[in-house]
PDB file of N, CA and C in Angstrom:
ATOM      1  N   MET A   1     113.953 104.581  79.483  1.00  0.00           N
ATOM      2  CA  MET A   1     113.991 103.277  80.259  1.00  0.00           C
ATOM      3  C   MET A   1     112.830 102.465  79.925  1.00  0.00           C
ATOM      4  N   ASN A   2     113.078 101.155  79.615  1.00  0.00           N
ATOM      5  CA  ASN A   2     112.011 100.201  79.255  1.00  0.00           C
ATOM      6  C   ASN A   2     111.643  99.410  80.473  1.00  0.00           C
ATOM      7  N   LEU A   3     110.587  98.596  80.317  1.00  0.00           N
ATOM      8  CA  LEU A   3     109.993  97.873  81.374  1.00  0.00           C
ATOM      9  C   LEU A   3     111.002  96.923  82.067  1.00  0.00           C
ATOM     10  N   GLU A   4     111.772  96.230  81.189  1.00  0.00           N
ATOM     11  CA  GLU A   4     112.803  95.252  81.809  1.00  0.00           C
ATOM     12  C   GLU A   4     113.903  95.983  82.557  1.00  0.00           C
ATOM     13  N   LYS A   5     114.263  97.133  82.018  1.00  0.00           N
ATOM     14  CA  LYS A   5     115.428  97.899  82.775  1.00  0.00           C
ATOM     15  C   LYS A   5     114.843  98.523  84.059  1.00  0.00           C
ATOM     16  N   LEU A   6     113.543  98.909  84.103  1.00  0.00           N
ATOM     17  CA  LEU A   6     112.975  99.343  85.370  1.00  0.00           C
ATOM     18  C   LEU A   6     112.982  98.248  86.383  1.00  0.00           C
ATOM     19  N   LYS A   7     112.600  97.061  85.963  1.00  0.00           N
ATOM     20  CA  LYS A   7     112.525  95.942  86.863  1.00  0.00           C
ATOM     21  C   LYS A   7     113.874  95.589  87.449  1.00  0.00           C
ATOM     22  N   LYS A   8     114.888  95.579  86.579  1.00  0.00           N
ATOM     23  CA  LYS A   8     116.299  95.237  86.971  1.00  0.00           C
ATOM     24  C   LYS A   8     116.828  96.328  87.947  1.00  0.00           C
ATOM     25  N   PHE A   9     116.578  97.628  87.638  1.00  0.00           N
ATOM     26  CA  PHE A   9     116.948  98.650  88.438  1.00  0.00           C
ATOM     27  C   PHE A   9     116.316  98.525  89.874  1.00  0.00           C
ATOM     28  N   LEU A  10     114.989  98.318  89.936  1.00  0.00           N
ATOM     29  CA  LEU A  10     114.343  98.164  91.227  1.00  0.00           C
ATOM     30  C   LEU A  10     114.918  97.057  92.017  1.00  0.00           C
ATOM     31  N   GLU A  11     115.115  95.923  91.368  1.00  0.00           N
ATOM     32  CA  GLU A  11     115.701  94.771  92.084  1.00  0.00           C
ATOM     33  C   GLU A  11     117.096  95.118  92.622  1.00  0.00           C
ATOM     34  N   SER A  12     117.884  95.857  91.851  1.00  0.00           N
ATOM     35  CA  SER A  12     119.203  96.267  92.273  1.00  0.00           C
ATOM     36  C   SER A  12     119.187  97.226  93.476  1.00  0.00           C
ATOM     37  N   GLU A  13     118.008  97.885  93.665  1.00  0.00           N
ATOM     38  CA  GLU A  13     117.774  98.767  94.843  1.00  0.00           C
ATOM     39  C   GLU A  13     117.101  98.099  96.016  1.00  0.00           C
ATOM     40  N   GLY A  14     116.935  96.811  95.925  1.00  0.00           N
ATOM     41  CA  GLY A  14     116.366  96.086  97.014  1.00  0.00           C
ATOM     42  C   GLY A  14     114.860  95.881  97.038  1.00  0.00           C
ATOM     43  N   TRP A  15     114.259  96.299  95.927  1.00  0.00           N
ATOM     44  CA  TRP A  15     112.756  96.051  95.844  1.00  0.00           C
ATOM     45  C   TRP A  15     112.535  94.608  95.449  1.00  0.00           C
ATOM     46  N   ALA A  16     111.557  94.012  96.132  1.00  0.00           N
ATOM     47  CA  ALA A  16     111.151  92.576  95.780  1.00  0.00           C
ATOM     48  C   ALA A  16     110.164  92.730  94.582  1.00  0.00           C
ATOM     49  N   ILE A  17     110.140  91.683  93.725  1.00  0.00           N
ATOM     50  CA  ILE A  17     109.308  91.648  92.587  1.00  0.00           C
ATOM     51  C   ILE A  17     108.291  90.467  92.810  1.00  0.00           C
ATOM     52  N   SER A  18     106.961  90.837  92.575  1.00  0.00           N
ATOM     53  CA  SER A  18     105.957  89.812  92.787  1.00  0.00           C
ATOM     54  C   SER A  18     105.074  89.807  91.584  1.00  0.00           C
ATOM     55  N   LEU A  19     104.388  88.669  91.388  1.00  0.00           N
ATOM     56  CA  LEU A  19     103.370  88.506  90.323  1.00  0.00           C
ATOM     57  C   LEU A  19     102.149  89.457  90.488  1.00  0.00           C
ATOM     58  N   ASN A  20     101.801  90.073  89.460  1.00  0.00           N
ATOM     59  CA  ASN A  20     100.567  91.006  89.544  1.00  0.00           C
ATOM     60  C   ASN A  20      99.605  90.446  88.585  1.00  0.00           C
ATOM     61  N   GLN A  21      98.550  89.829  89.088  1.00  0.00           N
ATOM     62  CA  GLN A  21      97.565  89.248  88.237  1.00  0.00           C
ATOM     63  C   GLN A  21      96.528  90.267  87.667  1.00  0.00           C
ATOM     64  N   PHE A  22      96.506  91.492  88.254  1.00  0.00           N
ATOM     65  CA  PHE A  22      95.587  92.475  87.818  1.00  0.00           C
ATOM     66  C   PHE A  22      96.404  93.678  87.216  1.00  0.00           C
ATOM     67  N   GLY A  23      97.492  93.416  86.546  1.00  0.00           N
ATOM     68  CA  GLY A  23      98.521  94.451  86.310  1.00  0.00           C
ATOM     69  C   GLY A  23      98.420  95.329  85.144  1.00  0.00           C
ATOM     70  N   HIS A  24      97.273  95.684  84.542  1.00  0.00           N
ATOM     71  CA  HIS A  24      97.225  96.608  83.486  1.00  0.00           C
ATOM     72  C   HIS A  24      98.253  96.368  82.346  1.00  0.00           C
ATOM     73  N   GLY A  25      98.351  95.076  81.987  1.00  0.00           N
ATOM     74  CA  GLY A  25      99.210  94.717  80.874  1.00  0.00           C
ATOM     75  C   GLY A  25     100.669  94.368  81.323  1.00  0.00           C
ATOM     76  N   VAL A  26     100.978  94.404  82.592  1.00  0.00           N
ATOM     77  CA  VAL A  26     102.213  94.117  83.111  1.00  0.00           C
ATOM     78  C   VAL A  26     102.079  93.067  84.211  1.00  0.00           C
ATOM     79  N   ASP A  27     102.808  91.961  84.120  1.00  0.00           N
ATOM     80  CA  ASP A  27     102.642  90.826  85.068  1.00  0.00           C
ATOM     81  C   ASP A  27     103.380  90.913  86.357  1.00  0.00           C
ATOM     82  N   TRP A  28     103.944  92.044  86.706  1.00  0.00           N
ATOM     83  CA  TRP A  28     104.764  92.136  87.945  1.00  0.00           C
ATOM     84  C   TRP A  28     104.539  93.480  88.563  1.00  0.00           C
ATOM     85  N   TYR A  29     104.880  93.573  89.842  1.00  0.00           N
ATOM     86  CA  TYR A  29     104.967  94.842  90.539  1.00  0.00           C
ATOM     87  C   TYR A  29     106.138  94.741  91.536  1.00  0.00           C
ATOM     88  N   ALA A  30     106.636  95.840  92.019  1.00  0.00           N
ATOM     89  CA  ALA A  30     107.704  95.869  92.919  1.00  0.00           C
ATOM     90  C   ALA A  30     107.234  96.394  94.288  1.00  0.00           C
ATOM     91  N   TRP A  31     107.782  95.820  95.337  1.00  0.00           N
ATOM     92  CA  TRP A  31     107.346  96.350  96.723  1.00  0.00           C
ATOM     93  C   TRP A  31     108.596  96.336  97.628  1.00  0.00           C
ATOM     94  N   LYS A  32     108.458  97.163  98.673  1.00  0.00           N
ATOM     95  CA  LYS A  32     109.599  97.346  99.650  1.00  0.00           C
ATOM     96  C   LYS A  32     108.957  97.913 100.867  1.00  0.00           C
ATOM     97  N   ARG A  33     109.474  97.538 102.048  1.00  0.00           N
ATOM     98  CA  ARG A  33     109.102  98.166 103.338  1.00  0.00           C
ATOM     99  C   ARG A  33     110.173  99.162 103.691  1.00  0.00           C
ATOM    100  N   PHE A  34     109.773 100.257 104.246  1.00  0.00           N
ATOM    101  CA  PHE A  34     110.679 101.321 104.644  1.00  0.00           C
ATOM    102  C   PHE A  34     110.449 101.590 106.155  1.00  0.00           C
ATOM    103  N   GLU A  35     111.485 102.106 106.784  1.00  0.00           N
ATOM    104  CA  GLU A  35     111.458 102.516 108.219  1.00  0.00           C
ATOM    105  C   GLU A  35     110.624 103.802 108.294  1.00  0.00           C
ATOM    106  N   GLY A  36     110.025 104.038 109.451  1.00  0.00           N
ATOM    107  CA  GLY A  36     109.346 105.315 109.703  1.00  0.00           C
ATOM    108  C   GLY A  36     107.889 105.342 109.401  1.00  0.00           C
ATOM    109  N   PHE A  37     107.355 104.288 108.837  1.00  0.00           N
ATOM    110  CA  PHE A  37     105.874 104.183 108.621  1.00  0.00           C
ATOM    111  C   PHE A  37     105.242 103.582 109.830  1.00  0.00           C
ATOM    112  N   LYS A  38     104.171 104.146 110.268  1.00  0.00           N
ATOM    113  CA  LYS A  38     103.379 103.588 111.369  1.00  0.00           C
ATOM    114  C   LYS A  38     102.729 102.296 110.841  1.00  0.00           C
ATOM    115  N   ASP A  39     102.469 101.374 111.763  1.00  0.00           N
ATOM    116  CA  ASP A  39     101.964 100.085 111.510  1.00  0.00           C
ATOM    117  C   ASP A  39     100.494 100.103 110.760  1.00  0.00           C
ATOM    118  N   CYS A  40     100.304  99.242 109.832  1.00  0.00           N
ATOM    119  CA  CYS A  40      98.977  98.982 109.271  1.00  0.00           C
ATOM    120  C   CYS A  40      98.245  98.187 110.348  1.00  0.00           C
ATOM    121  N   LEU A  41      96.998  98.471 110.545  1.00  0.00           N
ATOM    122  CA  LEU A  41      96.260  97.704 111.557  1.00  0.00           C
ATOM    123  C   LEU A  41      95.975  96.294 111.179  1.00  0.00           C
ATOM    124  N   CYS A  42      95.834  95.996 109.899  1.00  0.00           N
ATOM    125  CA  CYS A  42      95.551  94.713 109.398  1.00  0.00           C
ATOM    126  C   CYS A  42      96.568  93.652 109.693  1.00  0.00           C
ATOM    127  N   ASN A  43      97.854  94.061 109.510  1.00  0.00           N
ATOM    128  CA  ASN A  43      98.883  92.997 109.817  1.00  0.00           C
ATOM    129  C   ASN A  43      99.838  93.486 110.817  1.00  0.00           C
ATOM    130  N   GLU A  44      99.662  94.591 111.499  1.00  0.00           N
ATOM    131  CA  GLU A  44     100.417  95.098 112.623  1.00  0.00           C
ATOM    132  C   GLU A  44     101.909  95.168 112.297  1.00  0.00           C
ATOM    133  N   ARG A  45     102.250  95.692 111.137  1.00  0.00           N
ATOM    134  CA  ARG A  45     103.496  96.036 110.749  1.00  0.00           C
ATOM    135  C   ARG A  45     103.412  97.168 109.653  1.00  0.00           C
ATOM    136  N   PRO A  46     104.570  97.797 109.454  1.00  0.00           N
ATOM    137  CA  PRO A  46     104.487  98.885 108.510  1.00  0.00           C
ATOM    138  C   PRO A  46     103.999  98.410 107.063  1.00  0.00           C
ATOM    139  N   PRO A  47     103.295  99.198 106.314  1.00  0.00           N
ATOM    140  CA  PRO A  47     102.834  98.766 104.985  1.00  0.00           C
ATOM    141  C   PRO A  47     103.972  98.759 104.029  1.00  0.00           C
ATOM    142  N   SER A  48     103.783  98.006 102.995  1.00  0.00           N
ATOM    143  CA  SER A  48     104.733  98.006 101.824  1.00  0.00           C
ATOM    144  C   SER A  48     104.461  99.164 100.966  1.00  0.00           C
ATOM    145  N   VAL A  49     105.443  99.742 100.312  1.00  0.00           N
ATOM    146  CA  VAL A  49     105.252 100.742  99.260  1.00  0.00           C
ATOM    147  C   VAL A  49     105.409  99.898  97.970  1.00  0.00           C
ATOM    148  N   CYS A  50     104.466 100.108  97.078  1.00  0.00           N
ATOM    149  CA  CYS A  50     104.502  99.397  95.776  1.00  0.00           C
ATOM    150  C   CYS A  50     104.643 100.301  94.603  1.00  0.00           C
ATOM    151  N   ILE A  51     105.450  99.756  93.664  1.00  0.00           N
ATOM    152  CA  ILE A  51     105.555 100.436  92.334  1.00  0.00           C
ATOM    153  C   ILE A  51     104.862  99.516  91.431  1.00  0.00           C
ATOM    154  N   LYS A  52     103.890 100.061  90.681  1.00  0.00           N
ATOM    155  CA  LYS A  52     103.107  99.187  89.730  1.00  0.00           C
ATOM    156  C   LYS A  52     103.232  99.861  88.335  1.00  0.00           C
ATOM    157  N   PRO A  53     104.026  99.223  87.464  1.00  0.00           N
ATOM    158  CA  PRO A  53     104.009  99.743  86.097  1.00  0.00           C
ATOM    159  C   PRO A  53     102.802  99.281  85.310  1.00  0.00           C
ATOM    160  N   ALA A  54     102.443 100.047  84.240  1.00  0.00           N
ATOM    161  CA  ALA A  54     101.228  99.784  83.518  1.00  0.00           C
ATOM    162  C   ALA A  54     101.516  99.974  82.054  1.00  0.00           C
ATOM    163  N   LYS A  55     100.968  99.167  81.171  1.00  0.00           N
ATOM    164  CA  LYS A  55     101.030  99.295  79.775  1.00  0.00           C
ATOM    165  C   LYS A  55      99.667  99.807  79.252  1.00  0.00           C
ATOM    166  N   ILE A  56      99.682 100.920  78.534  1.00  0.00           N
ATOM    167  CA  ILE A  56      98.465 101.587  78.086  1.00  0.00           C
ATOM    168  C   ILE A  56      98.484 101.643  76.578  1.00  0.00           C
ATOM    169  N   GLU A  57      97.408 101.059  75.968  1.00  0.00           N
ATOM    170  CA  GLU A  57      97.363 101.061  74.491  1.00  0.00           C
ATOM    171  C   GLU A  57      96.169 102.015  74.038  1.00  0.00           C
ATOM    172  N   LEU A  58      96.609 103.022  73.295  1.00  0.00           N
ATOM    173  CA  LEU A  58      95.656 104.033  72.871  1.00  0.00           C
ATOM    174  C   LEU A  58      95.840 104.260  71.375  1.00  0.00           C
ATOM    175  N   LYS A  59      94.755 104.035  70.557  1.00  0.00           N
ATOM    176  CA  LYS A  59      94.790 104.301  69.125  1.00  0.00           C
ATOM    177  C   LYS A  59      96.146 103.810  68.535  1.00  0.00           C
ATOM    178  N   GLU A  60      96.420 102.595  68.672  1.00  0.00           N
ATOM    179  CA  GLU A  60      97.495 101.874  68.043  1.00  0.00           C
ATOM    180  C   GLU A  60      98.815 102.378  68.516  1.00  0.00           C
ATOM    181  N   ARG A  61      98.922 103.038  69.644  1.00  0.00           N
ATOM    182  CA  ARG A  61     100.138 103.426  70.292  1.00  0.00           C
ATOM    183  C   ARG A  61     100.225 102.841  71.641  1.00  0.00           C
ATOM    184  N   VAL A  62     101.397 102.528  72.126  1.00  0.00           N
ATOM    185  CA  VAL A  62     101.633 101.888  73.423  1.00  0.00           C
ATOM    186  C   VAL A  62     102.394 102.887  74.241  1.00  0.00           C
ATOM    187  N   TYR A  63     101.837 103.111  75.441  1.00  0.00           N
ATOM    188  CA  TYR A  63     102.437 104.011  76.486  1.00  0.00           C
ATOM    189  C   TYR A  63     102.772 103.208  77.738  1.00  0.00           C
ATOM    190  N   TYR A  64     103.767 103.551  78.398  1.00  0.00           N
ATOM    191  CA  TYR A  64     104.082 102.946  79.648  1.00  0.00           C
ATOM    192  C   TYR A  64     104.121 103.998  80.749  1.00  0.00           C
ATOM    193  N   ALA A  65     103.545 103.732  81.969  1.00  0.00           N
ATOM    194  CA  ALA A  65     103.659 104.629  83.012  1.00  0.00           C
ATOM    195  C   ALA A  65     103.665 103.817  84.315  1.00  0.00           C
ATOM    196  N   ALA A  66     103.751 104.422  85.505  1.00  0.00           N
ATOM    197  CA  ALA A  66     103.804 103.633  86.751  1.00  0.00           C
ATOM    198  C   ALA A  66     103.212 104.483  87.820  1.00  0.00           C
ATOM    199  N   SER A  67     102.824 103.777  88.884  1.00  0.00           N
ATOM    200  CA  SER A  67     102.285 104.439  90.091  1.00  0.00           C
ATOM    201  C   SER A  67     103.240 103.919  91.269  1.00  0.00           C
ATOM    202  N   ILE A  68     103.317 104.800  92.303  1.00  0.00           N
ATOM    203  CA  ILE A  68     103.958 104.368  93.501  1.00  0.00           C
ATOM    204  C   ILE A  68     102.945 104.629  94.572  1.00  0.00           C
ATOM    205  N   GLU A  69     102.692 103.629  95.472  1.00  0.00           N
ATOM    206  CA  GLU A  69     101.575 103.767  96.380  1.00  0.00           C
ATOM    207  C   GLU A  69     101.815 103.026  97.643  1.00  0.00           C
ATOM    208  N   VAL A  70     100.996 103.434  98.586  1.00  0.00           N
ATOM    209  CA  VAL A  70     100.918 102.746  99.913  1.00  0.00           C
ATOM    210  C   VAL A  70      99.435 102.534 100.249  1.00  0.00           C
ATOM    211  N   ILE A  71      99.089 101.357 100.644  1.00  0.00           N
ATOM    212  CA  ILE A  71      97.736 100.980 100.921  1.00  0.00           C
ATOM    213  C   ILE A  71      97.705 100.241 102.200  1.00  0.00           C
ATOM    214  N   GLY A  72      96.726 100.572 103.030  1.00  0.00           N
ATOM    215  CA  GLY A  72      96.553  99.815 104.348  1.00  0.00           C
ATOM    216  C   GLY A  72      95.379 100.226 105.182  1.00  0.00           C
ATOM    217  N   GLU A  73      95.191  99.565 106.241  1.00  0.00           N
ATOM    218  CA  GLU A  73      94.102  99.796 107.207  1.00  0.00           C
ATOM    219  C   GLU A  73      94.599 100.793 108.199  1.00  0.00           C
ATOM    220  N   VAL A  74      93.889 101.961 108.270  1.00  0.00           N
ATOM    221  CA  VAL A  74      94.350 102.950 109.278  1.00  0.00           C
ATOM    222  C   VAL A  74      93.459 103.039 110.466  1.00  0.00           C
ATOM    223  N   SER A  75      92.239 102.488 110.418  1.00  0.00           N
ATOM    224  CA  SER A  75      91.349 102.375 111.561  1.00  0.00           C
ATOM    225  C   SER A  75      90.442 101.274 111.257  1.00  0.00           C
ATOM    226  N   HIS A  76      89.619 100.859 112.218  1.00  0.00           N
ATOM    227  CA  HIS A  76      88.857  99.607 112.068  1.00  0.00           C
ATOM    228  C   HIS A  76      88.018  99.684 110.751  1.00  0.00           C
ATOM    229  N   ASN A  77      88.398  98.809 109.879  1.00  0.00           N
ATOM    230  CA  ASN A  77      87.710  98.639 108.579  1.00  0.00           C
ATOM    231  C   ASN A  77      87.735  99.871 107.640  1.00  0.00           C
ATOM    232  N   ASN A  78      88.712 100.719 107.930  1.00  0.00           N
ATOM    233  CA  ASN A  78      88.937 101.920 107.120  1.00  0.00           C
ATOM    234  C   ASN A  78      90.286 101.736 106.424  1.00  0.00           C
ATOM    235  N   TRP A  79      90.230 101.559 105.108  1.00  0.00           N
ATOM    236  CA  TRP A  79      91.455 101.369 104.298  1.00  0.00           C
ATOM    237  C   TRP A  79      91.717 102.652 103.498  1.00  0.00           C
ATOM    238  N   ILE A  80      92.924 102.961 103.268  1.00  0.00           N
ATOM    239  CA  ILE A  80      93.286 104.106 102.503  1.00  0.00           C
ATOM    240  C   ILE A  80      94.359 103.770 101.485  1.00  0.00           C
ATOM    241  N   ASN A  81      94.365 104.448 100.380  1.00  0.00           N
ATOM    242  CA  ASN A  81      95.389 104.198  99.250  1.00  0.00           C
ATOM    243  C   ASN A  81      95.890 105.603  98.942  1.00  0.00           C
ATOM    244  N   PHE A  82      97.146 105.861  99.195  1.00  0.00           N
ATOM    245  CA  PHE A  82      97.846 106.988  98.742  1.00  0.00           C
ATOM    246  C   PHE A  82      98.693 106.602  97.614  1.00  0.00           C
ATOM    247  N   GLN A  83      98.640 107.403  96.501  1.00  0.00           N
ATOM    248  CA  GLN A  83      99.453 107.077  95.336  1.00  0.00           C
ATOM    249  C   GLN A  83      99.781 108.256  94.480  1.00  0.00           C
ATOM    250  N   PHE A  84     100.958 108.153  93.871  1.00  0.00           N
ATOM    251  CA  PHE A  84     101.323 109.027  92.859  1.00  0.00           C
ATOM    252  C   PHE A  84     101.188 108.144  91.525  1.00  0.00           C
ATOM    253  N   TYR A  85     100.556 108.695  90.502  1.00  0.00           N
ATOM    254  CA  TYR A  85     100.325 107.897  89.304  1.00  0.00           C
ATOM    255  C   TYR A  85     100.748 108.685  88.067  1.00  0.00           C
ATOM    256  N   SER A  86     100.719 107.937  86.963  1.00  0.00           N
ATOM    257  CA  SER A  86     101.076 108.495  85.629  1.00  0.00           C
ATOM    258  C   SER A  86     102.494 108.924  85.568  1.00  0.00           C
ATOM    259  N   LEU A  87     103.363 108.254  86.318  1.00  0.00           N
ATOM    260  CA  LEU A  87     104.787 108.593  86.338  1.00  0.00           C
ATOM    261  C   LEU A  87     105.515 107.879  85.227  1.00  0.00           C
ATOM    262  N   SER A  88     106.475 108.536  84.635  1.00  0.00           N
ATOM    263  CA  SER A  88     107.360 107.915  83.724  1.00  0.00           C
ATOM    264  C   SER A  88     108.353 107.009  84.482  1.00  0.00           C
ATOM    265  N   PHE A  89     108.903 106.074  83.805  1.00  0.00           N
ATOM    266  CA  PHE A  89     109.921 105.168  84.496  1.00  0.00           C
ATOM    267  C   PHE A  89     111.111 105.975  84.941  1.00  0.00           C
ATOM    268  N   GLU A  90     111.425 107.026  84.200  1.00  0.00           N
ATOM    269  CA  GLU A  90     112.529 107.903  84.508  1.00  0.00           C
ATOM    270  C   GLU A  90     112.210 108.645  85.797  1.00  0.00           C
ATOM    271  N   GLU A  91     110.941 109.107  86.028  1.00  0.00           N
ATOM    272  CA  GLU A  91     110.541 109.755  87.243  1.00  0.00           C
ATOM    273  C   GLU A  91     110.632 108.789  88.435  1.00  0.00           C
ATOM    274  N   ILE A  92     110.219 107.579  88.245  1.00  0.00           N
ATOM    275  CA  ILE A  92     110.346 106.549  89.273  1.00  0.00           C
ATOM    276  C   ILE A  92     111.779 106.503  89.693  1.00  0.00           C
ATOM    277  N   LYS A  93     112.604 106.330  88.724  1.00  0.00           N
ATOM    278  CA  LYS A  93     114.108 106.148  89.041  1.00  0.00           C
ATOM    279  C   LYS A  93     114.630 107.399  89.755  1.00  0.00           C
ATOM    280  N   LYS A  94     114.365 108.532  89.278  1.00  0.00           N
ATOM    281  CA  LYS A  94     114.959 109.724  89.773  1.00  0.00           C
ATOM    282  C   LYS A  94     114.346 110.180  91.095  1.00  0.00           C
ATOM    283  N   ASP A  95     113.019 110.121  91.201  1.00  0.00           N
ATOM    284  CA  ASP A  95     112.296 110.733  92.284  1.00  0.00           C
ATOM    285  C   ASP A  95     111.639 109.771  93.364  1.00  0.00           C
ATOM    286  N   ARG A  96     111.926 108.463  93.239  1.00  0.00           N
ATOM    287  CA  ARG A  96     111.287 107.541  94.154  1.00  0.00           C
ATOM    288  C   ARG A  96     111.529 107.731  95.634  1.00  0.00           C
ATOM    289  N   GLU A  97     112.699 108.225  95.974  1.00  0.00           N
ATOM    290  CA  GLU A  97     112.957 108.519  97.446  1.00  0.00           C
ATOM    291  C   GLU A  97     112.118 109.588  97.952  1.00  0.00           C
ATOM    292  N   LYS A  98     112.021 110.698  97.139  1.00  0.00           N
ATOM    293  CA  LYS A  98     111.193 111.810  97.540  1.00  0.00           C
ATOM    294  C   LYS A  98     109.755 111.419  97.618  1.00  0.00           C
ATOM    295  N   LEU A  99     109.274 110.595  96.714  1.00  0.00           N
ATOM    296  CA  LEU A  99     107.929 110.129  96.680  1.00  0.00           C
ATOM    297  C   LEU A  99     107.601 109.290  97.822  1.00  0.00           C
ATOM    298  N   VAL A 100     108.566 108.366  98.197  1.00  0.00           N
ATOM    299  CA  VAL A 100     108.391 107.536  99.317  1.00  0.00           C
ATOM    300  C   VAL A 100     108.309 108.370 100.620  1.00  0.00           C
ATOM    301  N   ASN A 101     109.113 109.404 100.721  1.00  0.00           N
ATOM    302  CA  ASN A 101     109.045 110.295 101.924  1.00  0.00           C
ATOM    303  C   ASN A 101     107.694 111.008 101.931  1.00  0.00           C
ATOM    304  N   LYS A 102     107.131 111.451 100.845  1.00  0.00           N
ATOM    305  CA  LYS A 102     105.821 112.101 100.825  1.00  0.00           C
ATOM    306  C   LYS A 102     104.701 111.143 101.207  1.00  0.00           C
ATOM    307  N   LEU A 103     104.755 109.845 100.758  1.00  0.00           N
ATOM    308  CA  LEU A 103     103.815 108.852 101.113  1.00  0.00           C
ATOM    309  C   LEU A 103     103.913 108.532 102.601  1.00  0.00           C
ATOM    310  N   ARG A 104     105.133 108.566 103.177  1.00  0.00           N
ATOM    311  CA  ARG A 104     105.340 108.275 104.598  1.00  0.00           C
ATOM    312  C   ARG A 104     104.627 109.422 105.414  1.00  0.00           C
ATOM    313  N   VAL A 105     104.811 110.673 104.981  1.00  0.00           N
ATOM    314  CA  VAL A 105     104.227 111.805 105.724  1.00  0.00           C
ATOM    315  C   VAL A 105     102.695 111.655 105.692  1.00  0.00           C
ATOM    316  N   ALA A 106     102.110 111.384 104.562  1.00  0.00           N
ATOM    317  CA  ALA A 106     100.654 111.286 104.345  1.00  0.00           C
ATOM    318  C   ALA A 106     100.171 110.088 105.189  1.00  0.00           C
ATOM    319  N   TRP A 107     100.768 108.984 105.096  1.00  0.00           N
ATOM    320  CA  TRP A 107     100.390 107.797 105.859  1.00  0.00           C
ATOM    321  C   TRP A 107     100.416 108.014 107.357  1.00  0.00           C
ATOM    322  N   ASN A 108     101.569 108.556 107.853  1.00  0.00           N
ATOM    323  CA  ASN A 108     101.655 108.721 109.280  1.00  0.00           C
ATOM    324  C   ASN A 108     100.709 109.815 109.755  1.00  0.00           C
ATOM    325  N   SER A 109     100.387 110.819 108.966  1.00  0.00           N
ATOM    326  CA  SER A 109      99.483 111.849 109.289  1.00  0.00           C
ATOM    327  C   SER A 109      98.076 111.284 109.527  1.00  0.00           C
ATOM    328  N   VAL A 110      97.630 110.430 108.706  1.00  0.00           N
ATOM    329  CA  VAL A 110      96.310 109.839 108.864  1.00  0.00           C
ATOM    330  C   VAL A 110      96.281 108.888 110.058  1.00  0.00           C
ATOM    331  N   CYS A 111      97.378 108.143 110.232  1.00  0.00           N
ATOM    332  CA  CYS A 111      97.507 107.262 111.374  1.00  0.00           C
ATOM    333  C   CYS A 111      97.449 108.015 112.629  1.00  0.00           C
ATOM    334  N   GLU A 112      98.170 109.127 112.713  1.00  0.00           N
ATOM    335  CA  GLU A 112      98.248 109.947 113.899  1.00  0.00           C
ATOM    336  C   GLU A 112      96.882 110.563 114.208  1.00  0.00           C
ATOM    337  N   SER A 113      96.170 110.994 113.139  1.00  0.00           N
ATOM    338  CA  SER A 113      94.832 111.663 113.327  1.00  0.00           C
ATOM    339  C   SER A 113      93.863 110.579 113.891  1.00  0.00           C
ATOM    340  N   GLU A 114      93.991 109.301 113.341  1.00  0.00           N
ATOM    341  CA  GLU A 114      93.258 108.222 113.861  1.00  0.00           C
ATOM    342  C   GLU A 114      93.500 107.928 115.308  1.00  0.00           C
ATOM    343  N   ASP A 115      94.772 107.971 115.722  1.00  0.00           N
ATOM    344  CA  ASP A 115      95.181 107.707 117.132  1.00  0.00           C
ATOM    345  C   ASP A 115      94.514 108.810 117.983  1.00  0.00           C
ATOM    346  N   THR A 116      94.575 110.100 117.524  1.00  0.00           N
ATOM    347  CA  THR A 116      93.975 111.255 118.318  1.00  0.00           C
ATOM    348  C   THR A 116      92.516 111.090 118.362  1.00  0.00           C
ATOM    349  N   ALA A 117      91.872 110.681 117.313  1.00  0.00           N
ATOM    350  CA  ALA A 117      90.449 110.501 117.301  1.00  0.00           C
ATOM    351  C   ALA A 117      89.975 109.474 118.252  1.00  0.00           C
ATOM    352  N   ASN A 118      90.798 108.309 118.282  1.00  0.00           N
ATOM    353  CA  ASN A 118      90.420 107.291 119.282  1.00  0.00           C
ATOM    354  C   ASN A 118      90.638 107.655 120.710  1.00  0.00           C
ATOM    355  N   ILE A 119      91.624 108.489 121.011  1.00  0.00           N
ATOM    356  CA  ILE A 119      91.834 108.936 122.337  1.00  0.00           C
ATOM    357  C   ILE A 119      90.683 109.889 122.760  1.00  0.00           C
ATOM    358  N   ASN A 120      90.360 110.747 121.797  1.00  0.00           N
ATOM    359  CA  ASN A 120      89.208 111.741 122.144  1.00  0.00           C
ATOM    360  C   ASN A 120      87.897 110.996 122.269  1.00  0.00           C
ATOM    361  N   GLN A 121      87.704 109.924 121.530  1.00  0.00           N
ATOM    362  CA  GLN A 121      86.391 109.207 121.698  1.00  0.00           C
ATOM    363  C   GLN A 121      86.455 108.486 123.115  1.00  0.00           C
ATOM    364  N   GLN A 122      87.643 107.882 123.528  1.00  0.00           N
ATOM    365  CA  GLN A 122      87.733 107.275 124.823  1.00  0.00           C
ATOM    366  C   GLN A 122      87.465 108.334 125.920  1.00  0.00           C
ATOM    367  N   ASP A 123      88.141 109.476 125.816  1.00  0.00           N
ATOM    368  CA  ASP A 123      87.970 110.531 126.820  1.00  0.00           C
ATOM    369  C   ASP A 123      86.488 110.909 126.961  1.00  0.00           C
ATOM    370  N   HIS A 124      85.854 111.102 125.764  1.00  0.00           N
ATOM    371  CA  HIS A 124      84.490 111.513 125.773  1.00  0.00           C
ATOM    372  C   HIS A 124      83.566 110.437 126.430  1.00  0.00           C
ATOM    373  N   ALA A 125      83.856 109.179 126.074  1.00  0.00           N
ATOM    374  CA  ALA A 125      83.101 108.071 126.671  1.00  0.00           C
ATOM    375  C   ALA A 125      83.254 108.006 128.236  1.00  0.00           C
ATOM    376  N   SER A 126      84.536 108.213 128.763  1.00  0.00           N
ATOM    377  CA  SER A 126      84.809 108.113 130.111  1.00  0.00           C
ATOM    378  C   SER A 126      84.169 109.347 130.899  1.00  0.00           C
ATOM    379  N   ASN A 127      83.999 110.432 130.181  1.00  0.00           N
ATOM    380  CA  ASN A 127      83.297 111.587 130.857  1.00  0.00           C
ATOM    381  C   ASN A 127      81.894 111.366 131.063  1.00  0.00           C
ATOM    382  N   ARG A 128      81.265 110.485 130.338  1.00  0.00           N
ATOM    383  CA  ARG A 128      79.825 110.205 130.409  1.00  0.00           C
ATOM    384  C   ARG A 128      79.518 109.284 131.581  1.00  0.00           C
ATOM    385  N   VAL A 129      80.498 108.624 132.075  1.00  0.00           N
ATOM    386  CA  VAL A 129      80.266 107.664 133.195  1.00  0.00           C
ATOM    387  C   VAL A 129      80.067 108.374 134.452  1.00  0.00           C
TER     388      VAL A 129
END
């Protein structure tokens, strides 16, 4: 699968395509929101999952790979980036649903641990009064 076919496939699956100014030789990335992700604190809604293809030139050869990631604020000024990287376009096409589910579990786990930490801090502070 080439870069243009990946883009068309993702669009057909409901992924939005946006300009990527920092794109490792590729001027676009795909993004989509999924149900089941806890809200990002920065914008108070679930984070987007992004697929970012990259063009890598090594010793006169050109390689293509992609990452699938979720980035967001999980506690006050604490940002996190979960990603799977160096994926072939075929892996993105075949495994993206499993990878999104794994990102969801990781994201929600950190958010839940932050929620628990905040509750424990509040309980500890109220016990000092």
